[in-house]
C-alpha atoms as a PDB file:
ATOM      1  CA  UNK A   1     -36.683 -82.045  35.074  1.00  0.00           C
ATOM      2  CA  UNK A   2     -33.879 -79.865  36.443  1.00  0.00           C
ATOM      3  CA  UNK A   3     -30.524 -81.619  36.812  1.00  0.00           C
ATOM      4  CA  UNK A   4     -29.465 -82.798  40.276  1.00  0.00           C
ATOM      5  CA  UNK A   5     -27.920 -79.974  42.306  1.00  0.00           C
ATOM      6  CA  UNK A   6     -24.199 -79.714  42.945  1.00  0.00           C
ATOM      7  CA  UNK A   7     -22.952 -82.017  45.659  1.00  0.00           C
ATOM      8  CA  UNK A   8     -22.755 -80.194  48.985  1.00  0.00           C
ATOM      9  CA  UNK A   9     -19.400 -78.919  50.149  1.00  0.00           C
ATOM     10  CA  UNK A  10     -17.656 -80.559  47.206  1.00  0.00           C
ATOM     11  CA  UNK A  11     -14.644 -78.243  47.294  1.00  0.00           C
ATOM     12  CA  UNK A  12     -14.209 -78.495  51.059  1.00  0.00           C
ATOM     13  CA  UNK A  13     -14.591 -82.256  50.892  1.00  0.00           C
ATOM     14  CA  UNK A  14     -11.695 -82.577  48.470  1.00  0.00           C
ATOM     15  CA  UNK A  15      -9.386 -80.921  51.008  1.00  0.00           C
ATOM     16  CA  UNK A  16     -10.528 -82.791  54.115  1.00  0.00           C
ATOM     17  CA  UNK A  17      -9.635 -86.109  55.649  1.00  0.00           C
ATOM     18  CA  UNK A  18     -10.316 -89.304  53.722  1.00  0.00           C
ATOM     19  CA  UNK A  19     -13.455 -90.062  55.761  1.00  0.00           C
ATOM     20  CA  UNK A  20     -14.752 -86.530  55.273  1.00  0.00           C
ATOM     21  CA  UNK A  21     -14.017 -86.695  51.568  1.00  0.00           C
ATOM     22  CA  UNK A  22     -16.143 -89.845  51.356  1.00  0.00           C
ATOM     23  CA  UNK A  23     -18.999 -89.101  53.766  1.00  0.00           C
ATOM     24  CA  UNK A  24     -18.918 -85.301  53.713  1.00  0.00           C
ATOM     25  CA  UNK A  25     -20.109 -83.331  56.735  1.00  0.00           C
ATOM     26  CA  UNK A  26     -23.223 -85.315  57.552  1.00  0.00           C
ATOM     27  CA  UNK A  27     -24.915 -85.025  54.160  1.00  0.00           C
ATOM     28  CA  UNK A  28     -27.342 -87.513  52.650  1.00  0.00           C
ATOM     29  CA  UNK A  29     -25.882 -90.938  51.755  1.00  0.00           C
ATOM     30  CA  UNK A  30     -26.728 -90.027  48.157  1.00  0.00           C
ATOM     31  CA  UNK A  31     -23.403 -88.156  48.069  1.00  0.00           C
ATOM     32  CA  UNK A  32     -21.165 -90.715  49.791  1.00  0.00           C
ATOM     33  CA  UNK A  33     -18.419 -91.465  47.288  1.00  0.00           C
ATOM     34  CA  UNK A  34     -14.694 -91.948  46.794  1.00  0.00           C
ATOM     35  CA  UNK A  35     -12.808 -89.240  44.875  1.00  0.00           C
ATOM     36  CA  UNK A  36     -10.972 -90.683  41.855  1.00  0.00           C
ATOM     37  CA  UNK A  37      -9.617 -87.916  39.641  1.00  0.00           C
ATOM     38  CA  UNK A  38     -10.451 -84.604  37.995  1.00  0.00           C
ATOM     39  CA  UNK A  39     -10.817 -84.191  34.244  1.00  0.00           C
ATOM     40  CA  UNK A  40     -11.638 -80.899  32.569  1.00  0.00           C
ATOM     41  CA  UNK A  41     -12.622 -79.346  35.895  1.00  0.00           C
ATOM     42  CA  UNK A  42     -15.119 -82.175  36.571  1.00  0.00           C
ATOM     43  CA  UNK A  43     -14.545 -84.380  39.625  1.00  0.00           C
ATOM     44  CA  UNK A  44     -15.035 -88.083  38.935  1.00  0.00           C
ATOM     45  CA  UNK A  45     -16.132 -90.037  42.000  1.00  0.00           C
ATOM     46  CA  UNK A  46     -17.050 -93.646  42.772  1.00  0.00           C
ATOM     47  CA  UNK A  47     -20.111 -94.128  44.968  1.00  0.00           C
ATOM     48  CA  UNK A  48     -19.713 -96.389  47.978  1.00  0.00           C
ATOM     49  CA  UNK A  49     -22.493 -98.563  46.521  1.00  0.00           C
ATOM     50  CA  UNK A  50     -20.155 -99.477  43.645  1.00  0.00           C
ATOM     51  CA  UNK A  51     -17.462-100.482  46.141  1.00  0.00           C
ATOM     52  CA  UNK A  52     -19.943-102.603  48.092  1.00  0.00           C
ATOM     53  CA  UNK A  53     -21.123-104.178  44.837  1.00  0.00           C
ATOM     54  CA  UNK A  54     -17.592-105.212  43.834  1.00  0.00           C
ATOM     55  CA  UNK A  55     -16.938-106.683  47.281  1.00  0.00           C
ATOM     56  CA  UNK A  56     -20.259-108.550  47.165  1.00  0.00           C
ATOM     57  CA  UNK A  57     -19.422-110.004  43.738  1.00  0.00           C
ATOM     58  CA  UNK A  58     -16.032-111.166  45.003  1.00  0.00           C
ATOM     59  CA  UNK A  59     -17.604-112.738  48.091  1.00  0.00           C
ATOM     60  CA  UNK A  60     -20.245-114.464  45.956  1.00  0.00           C
ATOM     61  CA  UNK A  61     -17.563-115.784  43.593  1.00  0.00           C
ATOM     62  CA  UNK A  62     -15.475-117.183  46.443  1.00  0.00           C
ATOM     63  CA  UNK A  63     -18.499-118.757  48.132  1.00  0.00           C
ATOM     64  CA  UNK A  64     -19.674-120.448  44.917  1.00  0.00           C
ATOM     65  CA  UNK A  65     -16.241-121.424  43.639  1.00  0.00           C
ATOM     66  CA  UNK A  66     -16.372-119.292  40.496  1.00  0.00           C
ATOM     67  CA  UNK A  67     -13.155-118.968  38.563  1.00  0.00           C
ATOM     68  CA  UNK A  68     -11.115-115.751  38.528  1.00  0.00           C
ATOM     69  CA  UNK A  69     -11.538-115.396  34.758  1.00  0.00           C
ATOM     70  CA  UNK A  70     -15.333-115.334  35.098  1.00  0.00           C
ATOM     71  CA  UNK A  71     -15.233-112.720  37.863  1.00  0.00           C
ATOM     72  CA  UNK A  72     -12.503-110.519  36.374  1.00  0.00           C
ATOM     73  CA  UNK A  73     -14.005-110.400  32.878  1.00  0.00           C
ATOM     74  CA  UNK A  74     -17.452-109.701  34.329  1.00  0.00           C
ATOM     75  CA  UNK A  75     -16.296-106.720  36.386  1.00  0.00           C
ATOM     76  CA  UNK A  76     -14.169-105.345  33.532  1.00  0.00           C
ATOM     77  CA  UNK A  77     -17.069-105.721  31.099  1.00  0.00           C
ATOM     78  CA  UNK A  78     -19.542-104.017  33.416  1.00  0.00           C
ATOM     79  CA  UNK A  79     -17.152-101.169  34.129  1.00  0.00           C
ATOM     80  CA  UNK A  80     -16.441-100.687  30.432  1.00  0.00           C
ATOM     81  CA  UNK A  81     -20.132-100.636  29.503  1.00  0.00           C
ATOM     82  CA  UNK A  82     -20.936 -98.104  32.242  1.00  0.00           C
ATOM     83  CA  UNK A  83     -18.034 -95.863  31.185  1.00  0.00           C
ATOM     84  CA  UNK A  84     -19.142 -95.937  27.522  1.00  0.00           C
ATOM     85  CA  UNK A  85     -22.717 -95.186  28.587  1.00  0.00           C
ATOM     86  CA  UNK A  86     -21.674 -92.200  30.666  1.00  0.00           C
ATOM     87  CA  UNK A  87     -19.212 -90.963  28.047  1.00  0.00           C
ATOM     88  CA  UNK A  88     -22.074 -90.822  25.537  1.00  0.00           C
ATOM     89  CA  UNK A  89     -24.310 -88.992  28.037  1.00  0.00           C
ATOM     90  CA  UNK A  90     -21.528 -86.589  28.938  1.00  0.00           C
ATOM     91  CA  UNK A  91     -20.817 -85.813  25.298  1.00  0.00           C
ATOM     92  CA  UNK A  92     -24.481 -84.967  24.692  1.00  0.00           C
ATOM     93  CA  UNK A  93     -24.783 -82.855  27.855  1.00  0.00           C
ATOM     94  CA  UNK A  94     -21.527 -80.939  27.406  1.00  0.00           C
ATOM     95  CA  UNK A  95     -21.072 -80.685  23.640  1.00  0.00           C
ATOM     96  CA  UNK A  96     -24.665 -80.529  22.447  1.00  0.00           C
ATOM     97  CA  UNK A  97     -26.404 -78.853  25.384  1.00  0.00           C
ATOM     98  CA  UNK A  98     -23.605 -76.641  26.717  1.00  0.00           C
ATOM     99  CA  UNK A  99     -23.888 -77.788  30.339  1.00  0.00           C
ATOM    100  CA  UNK A 100     -20.774 -77.554  32.521  1.00  0.00           C
ATOM    101  CA  UNK A 101     -20.480 -80.540  34.892  1.00  0.00           C
ATOM    102  CA  UNK A 102     -18.973 -80.065  38.337  1.00  0.00           C
ATOM    103  CA  UNK A 103     -18.760 -83.769  39.186  1.00  0.00           C
ATOM    104  CA  UNK A 104     -19.979 -87.192  38.119  1.00  0.00           C
ATOM    105  CA  UNK A 105     -20.521 -90.027  40.599  1.00  0.00           C
ATOM    106  CA  UNK A 106     -20.361 -93.556  39.188  1.00  0.00           C
ATOM    107  CA  UNK A 107     -22.430 -96.455  40.488  1.00  0.00           C
ATOM    108  CA  UNK A 108     -22.958 -99.987  39.040  1.00  0.00           C
ATOM    109  CA  UNK A 109     -25.700 -99.005  36.554  1.00  0.00           C
ATOM    110  CA  UNK A 110     -24.573 -95.546  35.476  1.00  0.00           C
ATOM    111  CA  UNK A 111     -23.794 -92.248  37.132  1.00  0.00           C
ATOM    112  CA  UNK A 112     -25.251 -89.073  38.606  1.00  0.00           C
ATOM    113  CA  UNK A 113     -24.130 -85.859  36.931  1.00  0.00           C
ATOM    114  CA  UNK A 114     -24.171 -82.472  38.655  1.00  0.00           C
ATOM    115  CA  UNK A 115     -23.779 -79.157  36.905  1.00  0.00           C
ATOM    116  CA  UNK A 116     -23.125 -75.530  37.651  1.00  0.00           C
ATOM    117  CA  UNK A 117     -26.245 -73.813  38.973  1.00  0.00           C
ATOM    118  CA  UNK A 118     -28.295 -72.007  36.360  1.00  0.00           C
ATOM    119  CA  UNK A 119     -26.212 -73.374  33.483  1.00  0.00           C
ATOM    120  CA  UNK A 120     -28.431 -73.903  30.472  1.00  0.00           C
ATOM    121  CA  UNK A 121     -27.807 -73.751  26.766  1.00  0.00           C
ATOM    122  CA  UNK A 122     -29.698 -71.337  24.555  1.00  0.00           C
ATOM    123  CA  UNK A 123     -33.364 -72.166  24.582  1.00  0.00           C
ATOM    124  CA  UNK A 124     -32.954 -75.603  26.124  1.00  0.00           C
ATOM    125  CA  UNK A 125     -34.084 -76.223  29.661  1.00  0.00           C
ATOM    126  CA  UNK A 126     -31.808 -78.279  31.861  1.00  0.00           C
ATOM    127  CA  UNK A 127     -34.537 -80.907  32.115  1.00  0.00           C
ATOM    128  CA  UNK A 128     -34.718 -81.337  28.352  1.00  0.00           C
ATOM    129  CA  UNK A 129     -30.932 -81.490  28.204  1.00  0.00           C
ATOM    130  CA  UNK A 130     -30.899 -84.263  30.791  1.00  0.00           C
ATOM    131  CA  UNK A 131     -33.566 -86.098  28.794  1.00  0.00           C
ATOM    132  CA  UNK A 132     -31.457 -85.855  25.650  1.00  0.00           C
ATOM    133  CA  UNK A 133     -28.453 -87.193  27.537  1.00  0.00           C
ATOM    134  CA  UNK A 134     -30.523 -90.123  28.850  1.00  0.00           C
ATOM    135  CA  UNK A 135     -31.773 -90.969  25.357  1.00  0.00           C
ATOM    136  CA  UNK A 136     -28.214 -90.904  24.004  1.00  0.00           C
ATOM    137  CA  UNK A 137     -27.120 -93.137  26.884  1.00  0.00           C
ATOM    138  CA  UNK A 138     -29.810 -95.704  26.064  1.00  0.00           C
ATOM    139  CA  UNK A 139     -28.770 -95.595  22.412  1.00  0.00           C
ATOM    140  CA  UNK A 140     -25.155 -96.254  23.387  1.00  0.00           C
ATOM    141  CA  UNK A 141     -26.156 -99.275  25.486  1.00  0.00           C
ATOM    142  CA  UNK A 142     -28.185-100.695  22.594  1.00  0.00           C
ATOM    143  CA  UNK A 143     -25.293-100.103  20.193  1.00  0.00           C
ATOM    144  CA  UNK A 144     -22.729-101.742  22.490  1.00  0.00           C
ATOM    145  CA  UNK A 145     -24.997-104.745  23.035  1.00  0.00           C
ATOM    146  CA  UNK A 146     -25.657-105.138  19.305  1.00  0.00           C
ATOM    147  CA  UNK A 147     -21.968-104.801  18.425  1.00  0.00           C
ATOM    148  CA  UNK A 148     -20.901-107.326  21.074  1.00  0.00           C
ATOM    149  CA  UNK A 149     -23.655-109.754  19.993  1.00  0.00           C
ATOM    150  CA  UNK A 150     -22.566-109.474  16.376  1.00  0.00           C
ATOM    151  CA  UNK A 151     -18.966-110.138  17.316  1.00  0.00           C
ATOM    152  CA  UNK A 152     -19.927-113.205  19.392  1.00  0.00           C
ATOM    153  CA  UNK A 153     -21.971-114.606  16.488  1.00  0.00           C
ATOM    154  CA  UNK A 154     -19.119-113.898  14.087  1.00  0.00           C
ATOM    155  CA  UNK A 155     -16.668-115.828  16.247  1.00  0.00           C
ATOM    156  CA  UNK A 156     -18.878-118.687  17.475  1.00  0.00           C
ATOM    157  CA  UNK A 157     -21.349-119.033  14.635  1.00  0.00           C
ATOM    158  CA  UNK A 158     -24.582-120.880  15.402  1.00  0.00           C
ATOM    159  CA  UNK A 159     -23.246-121.909  18.819  1.00  0.00           C
ATOM    160  CA  UNK A 160     -23.371-118.335  20.131  1.00  0.00           C
ATOM    161  CA  UNK A 161     -25.180-118.212  23.469  1.00  0.00           C
ATOM    162  CA  UNK A 162     -27.085-114.945  22.951  1.00  0.00           C
ATOM    163  CA  UNK A 163     -30.291-116.133  24.617  1.00  0.00           C
ATOM    164  CA  UNK A 164     -29.584-116.922  28.257  1.00  0.00           C
ATOM    165  CA  UNK A 165     -31.248-117.127  31.652  1.00  0.00           C
ATOM    166  CA  UNK A 166     -30.634-113.692  33.234  1.00  0.00           C
ATOM    167  CA  UNK A 167     -30.676-115.288  36.686  1.00  0.00           C
ATOM    168  CA  UNK A 168     -28.055-117.876  35.708  1.00  0.00           C
ATOM    169  CA  UNK A 169     -25.688-116.334  33.153  1.00  0.00           C
ATOM    170  CA  UNK A 170     -22.952-118.734  34.200  1.00  0.00           C
ATOM    171  CA  UNK A 171     -24.768-121.596  32.436  1.00  0.00           C
ATOM    172  CA  UNK A 172     -24.413-119.896  29.045  1.00  0.00           C
ATOM    173  CA  UNK A 173     -20.894-118.795  29.835  1.00  0.00           C
ATOM    174  CA  UNK A 174     -19.959-122.370  30.716  1.00  0.00           C
ATOM    175  CA  UNK A 175     -20.597-123.340  27.105  1.00  0.00           C
ATOM    176  CA  UNK A 176     -17.949-120.860  26.014  1.00  0.00           C
ATOM    177  CA  UNK A 177     -15.207-121.184  28.603  1.00  0.00           C
ATOM    178  CA  UNK A 178     -13.197-124.287  29.255  1.00  0.00           C
ATOM    179  CA  UNK A 179      -9.606-123.238  28.968  1.00  0.00           C
ATOM    180  CA  UNK A 180      -7.412-120.322  29.949  1.00  0.00           C
ATOM    181  CA  UNK A 181      -5.976-119.558  26.532  1.00  0.00           C
ATOM    182  CA  UNK A 182      -5.911-115.891  25.444  1.00  0.00           C
ATOM    183  CA  UNK A 183      -8.463-116.649  22.716  1.00  0.00           C
ATOM    184  CA  UNK A 184     -10.881-118.175  25.209  1.00  0.00           C
ATOM    185  CA  UNK A 185     -10.422-115.336  27.694  1.00  0.00           C
ATOM    186  CA  UNK A 186     -11.052-112.819  24.898  1.00  0.00           C
ATOM    187  CA  UNK A 187     -14.240-114.627  23.871  1.00  0.00           C
ATOM    188  CA  UNK A 188     -15.435-114.769  27.483  1.00  0.00           C
ATOM    189  CA  UNK A 189     -14.794-111.036  27.856  1.00  0.00           C
ATOM    190  CA  UNK A 190     -16.675-110.345  24.625  1.00  0.00           C
ATOM    191  CA  UNK A 191     -19.689-112.337  25.833  1.00  0.00           C
ATOM    192  CA  UNK A 192     -19.512-110.594  29.214  1.00  0.00           C
ATOM    193  CA  UNK A 193     -19.642-107.212  27.467  1.00  0.00           C
ATOM    194  CA  UNK A 194     -22.769-108.347  25.638  1.00  0.00           C
ATOM    195  CA  UNK A 195     -24.379-109.595  28.862  1.00  0.00           C
ATOM    196  CA  UNK A 196     -23.403-106.442  30.780  1.00  0.00           C
ATOM    197  CA  UNK A 197     -24.956-104.250  28.061  1.00  0.00           C
ATOM    198  CA  UNK A 198     -28.171-106.297  28.252  1.00  0.00           C
ATOM    199  CA  UNK A 199     -28.376-106.002  32.038  1.00  0.00           C
ATOM    200  CA  UNK A 200     -27.548-102.286  32.192  1.00  0.00           C
ATOM    201  CA  UNK A 201     -29.946-101.496  29.347  1.00  0.00           C
ATOM    202  CA  UNK A 202     -32.756-103.505  30.956  1.00  0.00           C
ATOM    203  CA  UNK A 203     -32.420-101.717  34.295  1.00  0.00           C
ATOM    204  CA  UNK A 204     -32.073 -98.294  32.665  1.00  0.00           C
ATOM    205  CA  UNK A 205     -35.422 -98.861  30.953  1.00  0.00           C
ATOM    206  CA  UNK A 206     -37.089 -98.774  34.380  1.00  0.00           C
ATOM    207  CA  UNK A 207     -38.718 -95.376  35.148  1.00  0.00           C
ATOM    208  CA  UNK A 208     -36.686 -94.800  38.313  1.00  0.00           C
ATOM    209  CA  UNK A 209     -34.165 -92.052  38.985  1.00  0.00           C
ATOM    210  CA  UNK A 210     -31.264 -91.823  38.383  1.00  0.00           C
ATOM    211  CA  UNK A 211     -31.762 -94.420  35.615  1.00  0.00           C
ATOM    212  CA  UNK A 212     -32.196 -93.142  32.059  1.00  0.00           C
ATOM    213  CA  UNK A 213     -35.907 -93.886  31.757  1.00  0.00           C
ATOM    214  CA  UNK A 214     -36.565 -92.081  35.035  1.00  0.00           C
ATOM    215  CA  UNK A 215     -34.733 -89.030  33.695  1.00  0.00           C
ATOM    216  CA  UNK A 216     -36.821 -89.207  30.512  1.00  0.00           C
ATOM    217  CA  UNK A 217     -40.043 -89.300  32.545  1.00  0.00           C
ATOM    218  CA  UNK A 218     -39.044 -86.067  34.224  1.00  0.00           C
ATOM    219  CA  UNK A 219     -37.899 -84.465  30.967  1.00  0.00           C
ATOM    220  CA  UNK A 220     -41.131 -85.277  29.112  1.00  0.00           C
ATOM    221  CA  UNK A 221     -43.851 -84.995  31.761  1.00  0.00           C
ATOM    222  CA  UNK A 222     -42.379 -82.765  34.456  1.00  0.00           C
ATOM    223  CA  UNK A 223     -39.985 -80.332  32.834  1.00  0.00           C
ATOM    224  CA  UNK A 224     -40.084 -77.662  35.531  1.00  0.00           C
ATOM    225  CA  UNK A 225     -40.015 -80.174  38.408  1.00  0.00           C
ATOM    226  CA  UNK A 226     -43.134 -78.632  39.985  1.00  0.00           C
ATOM    227  CA  UNK A 227     -45.033 -81.916  40.220  1.00  0.00           C
ATOM    228  CA  UNK A 228     -42.020 -84.038  41.192  1.00  0.00           C
ATOM    229  CA  UNK A 229     -43.474 -86.769  38.977  1.00  0.00           C
ATOM    230  CA  UNK A 230     -40.213 -88.547  38.183  1.00  0.00           C
ATOM    231  CA  UNK A 231     -39.135 -89.149  41.810  1.00  0.00           C
ATOM    232  CA  UNK A 232     -42.646 -90.215  42.841  1.00  0.00           C
ATOM    233  CA  UNK A 233     -42.892 -92.748  39.999  1.00  0.00           C
ATOM    234  CA  UNK A 234     -39.360 -93.847  40.815  1.00  0.00           C
ATOM    235  CA  UNK A 235     -40.315 -94.501  44.428  1.00  0.00           C
ATOM    236  CA  UNK A 236     -43.103 -96.830  43.313  1.00  0.00           C
ATOM    237  CA  UNK A 237     -40.725 -98.700  41.019  1.00  0.00           C
ATOM    238  CA  UNK A 238     -38.127 -98.890  43.797  1.00  0.00           C
ATOM    239  CA  UNK A 239     -40.647-100.414  46.197  1.00  0.00           C
ATOM    240  CA  UNK A 240     -41.585-102.939  43.517  1.00  0.00           C
ATOM    241  CA  UNK A 241     -37.943-103.910  42.981  1.00  0.00           C
ATOM    242  CA  UNK A 242     -37.423-104.235  46.709  1.00  0.00           C
ATOM    243  CA  UNK A 243     -40.480-106.462  47.078  1.00  0.00           C
ATOM    244  CA  UNK A 244     -39.546-108.685  44.121  1.00  0.00           C
ATOM    245  CA  UNK A 245     -35.976-108.957  45.338  1.00  0.00           C
ATOM    246  CA  UNK A 246     -36.988-109.979  48.852  1.00  0.00           C
ATOM    247  CA  UNK A 247     -39.643-112.452  47.695  1.00  0.00           C
ATOM    248  CA  UNK A 248     -37.382-114.161  45.170  1.00  0.00           C
ATOM    249  CA  UNK A 249     -34.135-113.940  47.109  1.00  0.00           C
ATOM    250  CA  UNK A 250     -32.517-111.713  44.463  1.00  0.00           C
ATOM    251  CA  UNK A 251     -30.594-109.444  46.785  1.00  0.00           C
ATOM    252  CA  UNK A 252     -29.046-107.505  43.887  1.00  0.00           C
ATOM    253  CA  UNK A 253     -32.507-106.479  42.653  1.00  0.00           C
ATOM    254  CA  UNK A 254     -33.528-105.531  46.185  1.00  0.00           C
ATOM    255  CA  UNK A 255     -30.337-103.489  46.580  1.00  0.00           C
ATOM    256  CA  UNK A 256     -31.007-101.599  43.354  1.00  0.00           C
ATOM    257  CA  UNK A 257     -34.494-100.835  44.658  1.00  0.00           C
ATOM    258  CA  UNK A 258     -33.072 -99.490  47.923  1.00  0.00           C
ATOM    259  CA  UNK A 259     -30.495 -97.302  46.154  1.00  0.00           C
ATOM    260  CA  UNK A 260     -32.969 -95.994  43.597  1.00  0.00           C
ATOM    261  CA  UNK A 261     -35.581 -95.349  46.281  1.00  0.00           C
ATOM    262  CA  UNK A 262     -33.108 -93.393  48.402  1.00  0.00           C
ATOM    263  CA  UNK A 263     -32.164 -91.214  45.444  1.00  0.00           C
ATOM    264  CA  UNK A 264     -35.795 -90.649  44.400  1.00  0.00           C
ATOM    265  CA  UNK A 265     -36.732 -89.692  47.977  1.00  0.00           C
ATOM    266  CA  UNK A 266     -33.827 -87.245  48.111  1.00  0.00           C
ATOM    267  CA  UNK A 267     -34.849 -85.616  44.815  1.00  0.00           C
ATOM    268  CA  UNK A 268     -38.510 -85.506  45.859  1.00  0.00           C
ATOM    269  CA  UNK A 269     -37.667 -83.629  49.056  1.00  0.00           C
ATOM    270  CA  UNK A 270     -35.610 -81.134  47.070  1.00  0.00           C
ATOM    271  CA  UNK A 271     -38.475 -80.591  44.626  1.00  0.00           C
ATOM    272  CA  UNK A 272     -40.960 -80.052  47.462  1.00  0.00           C
ATOM    273  CA  UNK A 273     -38.748 -77.481  49.122  1.00  0.00           C
ATOM    274  CA  UNK A 274     -37.984 -75.727  45.842  1.00  0.00           C
ATOM    275  CA  UNK A 275     -41.668 -75.487  44.886  1.00  0.00           C
ATOM    276  CA  UNK A 276     -42.817 -74.212  48.285  1.00  0.00           C
ATOM    277  CA  UNK A 277     -39.822 -72.448  49.885  1.00  0.00           C
ATOM    278  CA  UNK A 278     -41.830 -71.340  52.904  1.00  0.00           C
ATOM    279  CA  UNK A 279     -38.966 -72.171  55.218  1.00  0.00           C
ATOM    280  CA  UNK A 280     -36.594 -69.856  53.379  1.00  0.00           C
ATOM    281  CA  UNK A 281     -39.204 -67.100  53.373  1.00  0.00           C
ATOM    282  CA  UNK A 282     -39.662 -67.384  57.152  1.00  0.00           C
ATOM    283  CA  UNK A 283     -35.931 -67.230  57.791  1.00  0.00           C
ATOM    284  CA  UNK A 284     -35.553 -64.230  55.491  1.00  0.00           C
ATOM    285  CA  UNK A 285     -38.425 -62.581  57.321  1.00  0.00           C
ATOM    286  CA  UNK A 286     -36.532 -62.965  60.583  1.00  0.00           C
ATOM    287  CA  UNK A 287     -33.416 -61.461  59.051  1.00  0.00           C
ATOM    288  CA  UNK A 288     -35.307 -58.500  57.614  1.00  0.00           C
ATOM    289  CA  UNK A 289     -37.401 -57.797  60.734  1.00  0.00           C
ATOM    290  CA  UNK A 290     -36.618 -54.594  62.692  1.00  0.00           C
ATOM    291  CA  UNK A 291     -33.911 -54.843  65.324  1.00  0.00           C
ATOM    292  CA  UNK A 292     -34.862 -55.086  68.983  1.00  0.00           C
ATOM    293  CA  UNK A 293     -35.919 -51.957  70.811  1.00  0.00           C
ATOM    294  CA  UNK A 294     -34.077 -52.607  74.051  1.00  0.00           C
ATOM    295  CA  UNK A 295     -31.769 -49.681  73.443  1.00  0.00           C
ATOM    296  CA  UNK A 296     -28.644 -51.820  73.371  1.00  0.00           C
ATOM    297  CA  UNK A 297     -28.083 -50.970  69.730  1.00  0.00           C
ATOM    298  CA  UNK A 298     -26.432 -54.354  69.180  1.00  0.00           C
ATOM    299  CA  UNK A 299     -27.714 -56.489  66.314  1.00  0.00           C
ATOM    300  CA  UNK A 300     -28.970 -59.974  67.306  1.00  0.00           C
ATOM    301  CA  UNK A 301     -26.385 -61.604  65.022  1.00  0.00           C
ATOM    302  CA  UNK A 302     -23.089 -60.287  63.728  1.00  0.00           C
ATOM    303  CA  UNK A 303     -22.505 -59.259  60.130  1.00  0.00           C
ATOM    304  CA  UNK A 304     -20.376 -62.353  59.565  1.00  0.00           C
ATOM    305  CA  UNK A 305     -23.091 -64.632  60.947  1.00  0.00           C
ATOM    306  CA  UNK A 306     -25.687 -62.879  58.834  1.00  0.00           C
ATOM    307  CA  UNK A 307     -23.541 -63.461  55.762  1.00  0.00           C
ATOM    308  CA  UNK A 308     -23.283 -67.162  56.653  1.00  0.00           C
ATOM    309  CA  UNK A 309     -27.057 -67.405  57.067  1.00  0.00           C
ATOM    310  CA  UNK A 310     -27.636 -65.698  53.726  1.00  0.00           C
ATOM    311  CA  UNK A 311     -25.251 -68.133  52.057  1.00  0.00           C
ATOM    312  CA  UNK A 312     -27.021 -71.108  53.672  1.00  0.00           C
ATOM    313  CA  UNK A 313     -30.448 -69.829  52.593  1.00  0.00           C
ATOM    314  CA  UNK A 314     -29.179 -69.403  49.045  1.00  0.00           C
ATOM    315  CA  UNK A 315     -27.889 -72.969  49.147  1.00  0.00           C
ATOM    316  CA  UNK A 316     -31.283 -74.239  50.335  1.00  0.00           C
ATOM    317  CA  UNK A 317     -33.037 -72.377  47.529  1.00  0.00           C
ATOM    318  CA  UNK A 318     -30.678 -73.849  44.939  1.00  0.00           C
ATOM    319  CA  UNK A 319     -30.165 -77.397  46.216  1.00  0.00           C
ATOM    320  CA  UNK A 320     -32.775 -78.121  48.890  1.00  0.00           C
ATOM    321  CA  UNK A 321     -32.470 -78.383  52.634  1.00  0.00           C
ATOM    322  CA  UNK A 322     -31.100 -81.904  52.332  1.00  0.00           C
ATOM    323  CA  UNK A 323     -27.879 -80.471  50.880  1.00  0.00           C
ATOM    324  CA  UNK A 324     -26.886 -78.765  54.138  1.00  0.00           C
ATOM    325  CA  UNK A 325     -23.991 -80.136  56.139  1.00  0.00           C
ATOM    326  CA  UNK A 326     -24.241 -80.790  59.857  1.00  0.00           C
ATOM    327  CA  UNK A 327     -22.327 -77.577  60.595  1.00  0.00           C
ATOM    328  CA  UNK A 328     -24.585 -75.500  58.358  1.00  0.00           C
ATOM    329  CA  UNK A 329     -27.683 -76.880  60.050  1.00  0.00           C
ATOM    330  CA  UNK A 330     -26.232 -75.974  63.453  1.00  0.00           C
ATOM    331  CA  UNK A 331     -25.391 -72.457  62.268  1.00  0.00           C
ATOM    332  CA  UNK A 332     -28.919 -71.979  60.980  1.00  0.00           C
ATOM    333  CA  UNK A 333     -30.523 -73.253  64.200  1.00  0.00           C
ATOM    334  CA  UNK A 334     -28.379 -71.005  66.418  1.00  0.00           C
ATOM    335  CA  UNK A 335     -28.988 -67.935  64.247  1.00  0.00           C
ATOM    336  CA  UNK A 336     -32.726 -68.617  64.170  1.00  0.00           C
ATOM    337  CA  UNK A 337     -32.850 -68.921  67.949  1.00  0.00           C
ATOM    338  CA  UNK A 338     -31.024 -65.604  68.413  1.00  0.00           C
ATOM    339  CA  UNK A 339     -33.275 -63.842  65.910  1.00  0.00           C
ATOM    340  CA  UNK A 340     -36.445 -65.118  67.577  1.00  0.00           C
ATOM    341  CA  UNK A 341     -35.214 -64.091  71.064  1.00  0.00           C
ATOM    342  CA  UNK A 342     -34.404 -60.494  70.154  1.00  0.00           C
END
């Protein structure tokens, strides 16, 4: 499966207003994110879903009277596990596969990586490289969970609460906490790291993009992206998560289904356009058609406009029509109307 295309207007977004830098110029919500920092030429961003998740956790904690230690250690543990997971993936993609990332967007269960167009290592397709990165990410989650579990057992002995109700983790955590001493806070954080690794690993084993198992489905069964198998399977899984979440009242599960479904739909539309670029062919046909024979001698569109249209068509071919900004869509519509009226 080819890697996700570069985020639209990423360079322009970094220079715009705060709202534009978050929402872009009317692009898909898949790209809505907060810019954090740049490392090694790669922009690190935080998706708005992650911000909403943190706010929801805080609201839930306040509503249910959960202590600040429980909430703080949980968020720190989850963030640390996700960062380790993505660091392992990034190492495999950059060091082993030779891909050059342009930006990485973090969300509560991982991240979406985007790379320079056409960047592949010798003999390895981008889809296989992404699959390798996903496998390394799953291995990192398993290793972190095992290490944290071993540390909890080492500290607590037979009283370690490694088997817990995933819907009520606070019950197991209540057996550990009880005071605010540094030792207790450290033990709570250690258990939270273990629980976070279990949760993130469990969700990443679902065959839904952009989760690791979804990436592996595309890498193994749909390497060239022609069948769009990974996003279609992911859509089915997303609908299942949404249904289970709504029926059981687990809004977090339903939210993950909505986010995963939106991403899978976005990727599916890109695959469909890339496999059958009839729209691009029709637009290029209009550009290459003979000029009008009215005798005016004036081209239907200026050279600058033609250059803009060519750039937009190249962007559609590389990243799909969903990557166009609102301004680019307007430019394309106006140019198409002028070409058809000549």
